[in-house]
Amino acid sequence: MLTLHHLLIGRALFTLWLVEELEAPHELKIYHRDPATMRAPMELRAVHPLGKAPIIEDGPVTLAESGAITTWLLTRYRSDRVLVPDSSDPQLWANYLYWLHYPEGSAFLPLLMELLMMRSAARPEPFATFAAGEVPLHLDHMVEGLGDRDYLLGAQISGADFGFAYIVSLAGRLGLLGSRPTLLAYLQRVTSRPACQRAMEKTGERI
């Protein structure tokens, strides 16, 4: 049985959404953040040394890191080629791999810095300058990458969309999407999917 360790308020909701898209039988274990620090509880370290979510347990395998989990789930639980493009098309496959790894590899850090500065009374100059340049750079890149398509690779959702949607959602929470209607429309599109609705209902969260 697949077990998903889910930390409220964060990236794990998008992994649960993927599990729902795959209709994979699973057990959901929900954890709450420390209200003072917003950090994960120590119980998660009993599952994985870093104590961060999402984490999955699948038989003898325990796996963390969102991108790795996405690849694992798509390899193990998709019954056909849905959510994964045809690798015989080199450009399509390259686009898929790029957007699969881009959210955590490139886009997350500038938005995290912006989030931390918003929570603080201070905006240290080196961090503020970095974020001021990098955040719009990445958001504009995401707008261009999505183009006029419904999803990153076209009319159908793919495994690359779950991490991308997380980054778009985070930018929305930071109030950064007002001048980017393409990303706002994308966020509305993905959250209207039945699988995403089921994930939000199970956890009581909203994207």
C-alpha atoms as a PDB file:
ATOM      1  CA  MET A   1       0.000   0.000   0.000  1.00  0.00           C
ATOM      2  CA  LEU A   2       1.249   3.456  -0.906  1.00  0.00           C
ATOM      3  CA  THR A   3       1.472   5.790   2.088  1.00  0.00           C
ATOM      4  CA  LEU A   4       1.707   9.541   1.631  1.00  0.00           C
ATOM      5  CA  HIS A   5       3.022  11.610   4.528  1.00  0.00           C
ATOM      6  CA  HIS A   6       1.385  14.975   4.067  1.00  0.00           C
ATOM      7  CA  LEU A   7       2.377  18.228   5.777  1.00  0.00           C
ATOM      8  CA  LEU A   8      -0.330  20.865   5.743  1.00  0.00           C
ATOM      9  CA  ILE A   9       0.375  24.188   4.033  1.00  0.00           C
ATOM     10  CA  GLY A  10       2.941  23.460   1.387  1.00  0.00           C
ATOM     11  CA  ARG A  11       4.157  21.347  -1.484  1.00  0.00           C
ATOM     12  CA  ALA A  12       2.664  18.041  -0.323  1.00  0.00           C
ATOM     13  CA  LEU A  13      -0.827  18.963  -1.536  1.00  0.00           C
ATOM     14  CA  PHE A  14       0.380  18.809  -5.120  1.00  0.00           C
ATOM     15  CA  THR A  15       1.729  15.298  -4.596  1.00  0.00           C
ATOM     16  CA  LEU A  16      -1.622  14.212  -3.193  1.00  0.00           C
ATOM     17  CA  TRP A  17      -3.267  15.750  -6.245  1.00  0.00           C
ATOM     18  CA  LEU A  18      -1.021  13.607  -8.479  1.00  0.00           C
ATOM     19  CA  VAL A  19      -1.944  10.506  -6.471  1.00  0.00           C
ATOM     20  CA  GLU A  20      -5.605  11.381  -7.016  1.00  0.00           C
ATOM     21  CA  GLU A  21      -5.067  11.863 -10.754  1.00  0.00           C
ATOM     22  CA  LEU A  22      -3.511   8.400 -10.883  1.00  0.00           C
ATOM     23  CA  GLU A  23      -6.328   6.983  -8.748  1.00  0.00           C
ATOM     24  CA  ALA A  24      -3.662   5.105  -6.814  1.00  0.00           C
ATOM     25  CA  PRO A  25      -4.897   3.343  -3.646  1.00  0.00           C
ATOM     26  CA  HIS A  26      -3.172   5.026  -0.737  1.00  0.00           C
ATOM     27  CA  GLU A  27      -3.138   5.853   2.938  1.00  0.00           C
ATOM     28  CA  LEU A  28      -2.870   9.526   3.829  1.00  0.00           C
ATOM     29  CA  LYS A  29      -1.110  10.601   7.010  1.00  0.00           C
ATOM     30  CA  ILE A  30      -1.528  14.302   7.781  1.00  0.00           C
ATOM     31  CA  TYR A  31       0.894  16.355   9.889  1.00  0.00           C
ATOM     32  CA  HIS A  32       0.504  19.876  11.263  1.00  0.00           C
ATOM     33  CA  ARG A  33       3.144  22.585  11.337  1.00  0.00           C
ATOM     34  CA  ASP A  34       4.363  24.131  14.553  1.00  0.00           C
ATOM     35  CA  PRO A  35       2.193  27.275  14.850  1.00  0.00           C
ATOM     36  CA  ALA A  36       5.095  29.339  16.193  1.00  0.00           C
ATOM     37  CA  THR A  37       7.809  28.350  13.725  1.00  0.00           C
ATOM     38  CA  MET A  38       5.756  26.929  10.818  1.00  0.00           C
ATOM     39  CA  ARG A  39       8.253  24.065  10.730  1.00  0.00           C
ATOM     40  CA  ALA A  40       7.361  20.415  10.294  1.00  0.00           C
ATOM     41  CA  PRO A  41       6.841  18.338  13.446  1.00  0.00           C
ATOM     42  CA  MET A  42       9.610  16.082  14.721  1.00  0.00           C
ATOM     43  CA  GLU A  43       7.480  12.984  14.007  1.00  0.00           C
ATOM     44  CA  LEU A  44       8.350  13.270  10.330  1.00  0.00           C
ATOM     45  CA  ARG A  45      12.012  12.586  11.128  1.00  0.00           C
ATOM     46  CA  ALA A  46      11.004   9.087  12.126  1.00  0.00           C
ATOM     47  CA  VAL A  47       9.948   8.621   8.499  1.00  0.00           C
ATOM     48  CA  HIS A  48      12.844  10.396   6.773  1.00  0.00           C
ATOM     49  CA  PRO A  49      15.980  11.974   8.327  1.00  0.00           C
ATOM     50  CA  LEU A  50      15.214  15.453   6.970  1.00  0.00           C
ATOM     51  CA  GLY A  51      11.682  15.406   8.392  1.00  0.00           C
ATOM     52  CA  LYS A  52      10.163  17.227   5.426  1.00  0.00           C
ATOM     53  CA  ALA A  53       7.121  16.431   3.323  1.00  0.00           C
ATOM     54  CA  PRO A  54       5.973  15.074   1.021  1.00  0.00           C
ATOM     55  CA  ILE A  55       7.354  11.634   1.767  1.00  0.00           C
ATOM     56  CA  ILE A  56       6.005   8.396   0.372  1.00  0.00           C
ATOM     57  CA  GLU A  57       6.391   4.849   1.555  1.00  0.00           C
ATOM     58  CA  ASP A  58       5.754   2.261  -1.130  1.00  0.00           C
ATOM     59  CA  GLY A  59       6.472  -1.239   0.052  1.00  0.00           C
ATOM     60  CA  PRO A  60      10.098  -1.309   1.216  1.00  0.00           C
ATOM     61  CA  VAL A  61      10.881   2.060  -0.380  1.00  0.00           C
ATOM     62  CA  THR A  62      10.813   5.395   1.462  1.00  0.00           C
ATOM     63  CA  LEU A  63      11.246   8.373  -0.829  1.00  0.00           C
ATOM     64  CA  ALA A  64      11.391  12.133  -0.316  1.00  0.00           C
ATOM     65  CA  GLU A  65      11.906  15.044  -2.756  1.00  0.00           C
ATOM     66  CA  SER A  66       8.921  16.087  -4.814  1.00  0.00           C
ATOM     67  CA  GLY A  67      10.454  15.586  -8.251  1.00  0.00           C
ATOM     68  CA  ALA A  68      11.708  12.127  -7.375  1.00  0.00           C
ATOM     69  CA  ILE A  69       8.305  11.208  -5.943  1.00  0.00           C
ATOM     70  CA  THR A  70       6.572  12.430  -9.096  1.00  0.00           C
ATOM     71  CA  THR A  71       8.820  10.262 -11.269  1.00  0.00           C
ATOM     72  CA  TRP A  72       8.319   7.254  -8.989  1.00  0.00           C
ATOM     73  CA  LEU A  73       4.545   7.570  -8.964  1.00  0.00           C
ATOM     74  CA  LEU A  74       4.313   8.030 -12.727  1.00  0.00           C
ATOM     75  CA  THR A  75       6.532   4.996 -13.268  1.00  0.00           C
ATOM     76  CA  ARG A  76       4.681   2.768 -10.828  1.00  0.00           C
ATOM     77  CA  TYR A  77       1.052   3.819 -11.028  1.00  0.00           C
ATOM     78  CA  ARG A  78       0.130   5.023 -14.489  1.00  0.00           C
ATOM     79  CA  SER A  79      -1.601   2.340 -16.522  1.00  0.00           C
ATOM     80  CA  ASP A  80      -0.785   3.875 -19.908  1.00  0.00           C
ATOM     81  CA  ARG A  81       1.084   6.880 -21.299  1.00  0.00           C
ATOM     82  CA  VAL A  82      -1.254   9.391 -19.649  1.00  0.00           C
ATOM     83  CA  LEU A  83       0.682  12.170 -17.836  1.00  0.00           C
ATOM     84  CA  VAL A  84       3.979  11.209 -19.515  1.00  0.00           C
ATOM     85  CA  PRO A  85       4.754  12.277 -23.106  1.00  0.00           C
ATOM     86  CA  ASP A  86       6.136  10.083 -25.834  1.00  0.00           C
ATOM     87  CA  SER A  87       9.917   9.951 -25.384  1.00  0.00           C
ATOM     88  CA  SER A  88      10.378   9.235 -29.101  1.00  0.00           C
ATOM     89  CA  ASP A  89       9.788  12.957 -29.713  1.00  0.00           C
ATOM     90  CA  PRO A  90      13.098  14.460 -28.514  1.00  0.00           C
ATOM     91  CA  GLN A  91      11.893  18.063 -28.137  1.00  0.00           C
ATOM     92  CA  LEU A  92       8.693  17.098 -26.345  1.00  0.00           C
ATOM     93  CA  TRP A  93      10.609  14.807 -24.014  1.00  0.00           C
ATOM     94  CA  ALA A  94      13.212  17.501 -23.339  1.00  0.00           C
ATOM     95  CA  ASN A  95      10.456  20.031 -22.527  1.00  0.00           C
ATOM     96  CA  TYR A  96       8.862  17.546 -20.167  1.00  0.00           C
ATOM     97  CA  LEU A  97      12.119  16.874 -18.314  1.00  0.00           C
ATOM     98  CA  TYR A  98      12.929  20.570 -18.110  1.00  0.00           C
ATOM     99  CA  TRP A  99       9.604  21.615 -16.615  1.00  0.00           C
ATOM    100  CA  LEU A 100       9.541  18.562 -14.349  1.00  0.00           C
ATOM    101  CA  HIS A 101      12.748  19.703 -12.638  1.00  0.00           C
ATOM    102  CA  TYR A 102      12.524  23.472 -13.093  1.00  0.00           C
ATOM    103  CA  PRO A 103      10.192  24.297 -10.141  1.00  0.00           C
ATOM    104  CA  GLU A 104      12.432  22.946  -7.396  1.00  0.00           C
ATOM    105  CA  GLY A 105      15.704  23.417  -9.257  1.00  0.00           C
ATOM    106  CA  SER A 106      15.378  27.066 -10.295  1.00  0.00           C
ATOM    107  CA  ALA A 107      12.102  28.791  -9.467  1.00  0.00           C
ATOM    108  CA  PHE A 108      11.536  27.962  -5.812  1.00  0.00           C
ATOM    109  CA  LEU A 109      14.486  29.753  -4.199  1.00  0.00           C
ATOM    110  CA  PRO A 110      13.660  33.324  -5.350  1.00  0.00           C
ATOM    111  CA  LEU A 111      10.030  32.894  -4.285  1.00  0.00           C
ATOM    112  CA  LEU A 112      11.087  31.430  -0.949  1.00  0.00           C
ATOM    113  CA  MET A 113      13.297  34.453  -0.326  1.00  0.00           C
ATOM    114  CA  GLU A 114      10.387  36.744  -1.150  1.00  0.00           C
ATOM    115  CA  LEU A 115       8.144  34.792   1.219  1.00  0.00           C
ATOM    116  CA  LEU A 116      10.627  34.983   4.092  1.00  0.00           C
ATOM    117  CA  MET A 117      11.147  38.702   3.596  1.00  0.00           C
ATOM    118  CA  MET A 118       7.386  39.284   3.596  1.00  0.00           C
ATOM    119  CA  ARG A 119       7.198  37.532   6.965  1.00  0.00           C
ATOM    120  CA  SER A 120       9.978  39.684   8.371  1.00  0.00           C
ATOM    121  CA  ALA A 121      10.080  43.362   9.242  1.00  0.00           C
ATOM    122  CA  ALA A 122      13.429  43.642   7.489  1.00  0.00           C
ATOM    123  CA  ARG A 123      14.389  43.260   3.833  1.00  0.00           C
ATOM    124  CA  PRO A 124      18.190  42.758   3.846  1.00  0.00           C
ATOM    125  CA  GLU A 125      19.577  44.519   0.810  1.00  0.00           C
ATOM    126  CA  PRO A 126      21.423  41.591  -0.820  1.00  0.00           C
ATOM    127  CA  PHE A 127      18.354  39.352  -0.587  1.00  0.00           C
ATOM    128  CA  ALA A 128      15.920  42.067  -1.646  1.00  0.00           C
ATOM    129  CA  THR A 129      18.046  42.946  -4.675  1.00  0.00           C
ATOM    130  CA  PHE A 130      18.375  39.311  -5.672  1.00  0.00           C
ATOM    131  CA  ALA A 131      14.653  38.625  -5.339  1.00  0.00           C
ATOM    132  CA  ALA A 132      13.713  41.839  -7.156  1.00  0.00           C
ATOM    133  CA  GLY A 133      15.602  40.660 -10.216  1.00  0.00           C
ATOM    134  CA  GLU A 134      14.973  36.922 -10.086  1.00  0.00           C
ATOM    135  CA  VAL A 135      11.257  36.772  -9.239  1.00  0.00           C
ATOM    136  CA  PRO A 136       9.979  38.649 -12.320  1.00  0.00           C
ATOM    137  CA  LEU A 137      12.556  36.878 -14.474  1.00  0.00           C
ATOM    138  CA  HIS A 138      11.138  33.494 -13.494  1.00  0.00           C
ATOM    139  CA  LEU A 139       7.498  34.518 -13.664  1.00  0.00           C
ATOM    140  CA  ASP A 140       7.971  35.909 -17.164  1.00  0.00           C
ATOM    141  CA  HIS A 141       9.770  32.708 -18.141  1.00  0.00           C
ATOM    142  CA  MET A 142       6.813  30.698 -16.854  1.00  0.00           C
ATOM    143  CA  VAL A 143       4.364  32.816 -18.836  1.00  0.00           C
ATOM    144  CA  GLU A 144       6.424  32.268 -21.977  1.00  0.00           C
ATOM    145  CA  GLY A 145       6.812  28.547 -21.254  1.00  0.00           C
ATOM    146  CA  LEU A 146       3.081  28.049 -20.852  1.00  0.00           C
ATOM    147  CA  GLY A 147       2.183  30.202 -23.850  1.00  0.00           C
ATOM    148  CA  ASP A 148      -1.415  29.832 -24.952  1.00  0.00           C
ATOM    149  CA  ARG A 149      -1.626  26.148 -24.025  1.00  0.00           C
ATOM    150  CA  ASP A 150      -3.968  24.764 -21.380  1.00  0.00           C
ATOM    151  CA  TYR A 151      -1.088  22.862 -19.779  1.00  0.00           C
ATOM    152  CA  LEU A 152       2.678  22.952 -20.123  1.00  0.00           C
ATOM    153  CA  LEU A 153       2.892  20.425 -22.946  1.00  0.00           C
ATOM    154  CA  GLY A 154      -0.413  21.088 -24.647  1.00  0.00           C
ATOM    155  CA  ALA A 155      -4.071  20.251 -24.233  1.00  0.00           C
ATOM    156  CA  GLN A 156      -3.442  17.425 -21.740  1.00  0.00           C
ATOM    157  CA  ILE A 157      -1.962  17.643 -18.273  1.00  0.00           C
ATOM    158  CA  SER A 158       1.424  15.979 -17.722  1.00  0.00           C
ATOM    159  CA  GLY A 159       3.615  15.101 -14.777  1.00  0.00           C
ATOM    160  CA  ALA A 160       5.443  18.399 -15.245  1.00  0.00           C
ATOM    161  CA  ASP A 161       2.342  20.404 -14.346  1.00  0.00           C
ATOM    162  CA  PHE A 162       2.198  19.450 -10.668  1.00  0.00           C
ATOM    163  CA  GLY A 163       5.415  21.169  -9.638  1.00  0.00           C
ATOM    164  CA  PHE A 164       4.733  24.039 -12.014  1.00  0.00           C
ATOM    165  CA  ALA A 165       1.291  24.544 -10.476  1.00  0.00           C
ATOM    166  CA  TYR A 166       2.879  24.647  -7.027  1.00  0.00           C
ATOM    167  CA  ILE A 167       5.193  27.480  -8.058  1.00  0.00           C
ATOM    168  CA  VAL A 168       2.328  29.373  -9.706  1.00  0.00           C
ATOM    169  CA  SER A 169       0.242  28.887  -6.552  1.00  0.00           C
ATOM    170  CA  LEU A 170       3.070  30.150  -4.343  1.00  0.00           C
ATOM    171  CA  ALA A 171       3.479  33.225  -6.534  1.00  0.00           C
ATOM    172  CA  GLY A 172      -0.262  33.803  -6.258  1.00  0.00           C
ATOM    173  CA  ARG A 173      -0.121  33.648  -2.475  1.00  0.00           C
ATOM    174  CA  LEU A 174       2.613  36.269  -2.586  1.00  0.00           C
ATOM    175  CA  GLY A 175       0.409  38.546  -4.698  1.00  0.00           C
ATOM    176  CA  LEU A 176       2.661  38.335  -7.745  1.00  0.00           C
ATOM    177  CA  LEU A 177       0.213  37.233 -10.447  1.00  0.00           C
ATOM    178  CA  GLY A 178      -1.865  40.361 -10.902  1.00  0.00           C
ATOM    179  CA  SER A 179      -0.071  41.356 -14.095  1.00  0.00           C
ATOM    180  CA  ARG A 180       0.120  37.801 -15.411  1.00  0.00           C
ATOM    181  CA  PRO A 181      -3.413  36.685 -16.339  1.00  0.00           C
ATOM    182  CA  THR A 182      -2.071  33.659 -18.203  1.00  0.00           C
ATOM    183  CA  LEU A 183      -0.794  32.159 -14.955  1.00  0.00           C
ATOM    184  CA  LEU A 184      -3.953  33.104 -13.061  1.00  0.00           C
ATOM    185  CA  ALA A 185      -6.066  31.343 -15.680  1.00  0.00           C
ATOM    186  CA  TYR A 186      -3.779  28.319 -15.516  1.00  0.00           C
ATOM    187  CA  LEU A 187      -4.164  28.122 -11.751  1.00  0.00           C
ATOM    188  CA  GLN A 188      -7.940  28.286 -12.034  1.00  0.00           C
ATOM    189  CA  ARG A 189      -7.829  25.568 -14.693  1.00  0.00           C
ATOM    190  CA  VAL A 190      -5.802  23.085 -12.670  1.00  0.00           C
ATOM    191  CA  THR A 191      -7.675  23.640  -9.420  1.00  0.00           C
ATOM    192  CA  SER A 192     -10.957  22.913 -11.170  1.00  0.00           C
ATOM    193  CA  ARG A 193      -9.827  19.380 -12.030  1.00  0.00           C
ATOM    194  CA  PRO A 194     -11.793  16.746 -10.074  1.00  0.00           C
ATOM    195  CA  ALA A 195      -8.613  15.097  -8.767  1.00  0.00           C
ATOM    196  CA  CYS A 196      -7.337  18.410  -7.443  1.00  0.00           C
ATOM    197  CA  GLN A 197     -10.703  19.083  -5.834  1.00  0.00           C
ATOM    198  CA  ARG A 198     -10.558  15.678  -4.112  1.00  0.00           C
ATOM    199  CA  ALA A 199      -7.071  16.403  -2.775  1.00  0.00           C
ATOM    200  CA  MET A 200      -8.210  19.725  -1.318  1.00  0.00           C
ATOM    201  CA  GLU A 201     -11.275  18.123   0.225  1.00  0.00           C
ATOM    202  CA  LYS A 202      -9.190  15.441   1.937  1.00  0.00           C
ATOM    203  CA  THR A 203      -6.855  17.952   3.578  1.00  0.00           C
ATOM    204  CA  GLY A 204      -9.084  21.000   3.963  1.00  0.00           C
ATOM    205  CA  GLU A 205      -6.528  23.092   2.068  1.00  0.00           C
ATOM    206  CA  ARG A 206      -6.972  25.444  -0.863  1.00  0.00           C
ATOM    207  CA  ILE A 207      -4.598  26.130  -3.712  1.00  0.00           C
END
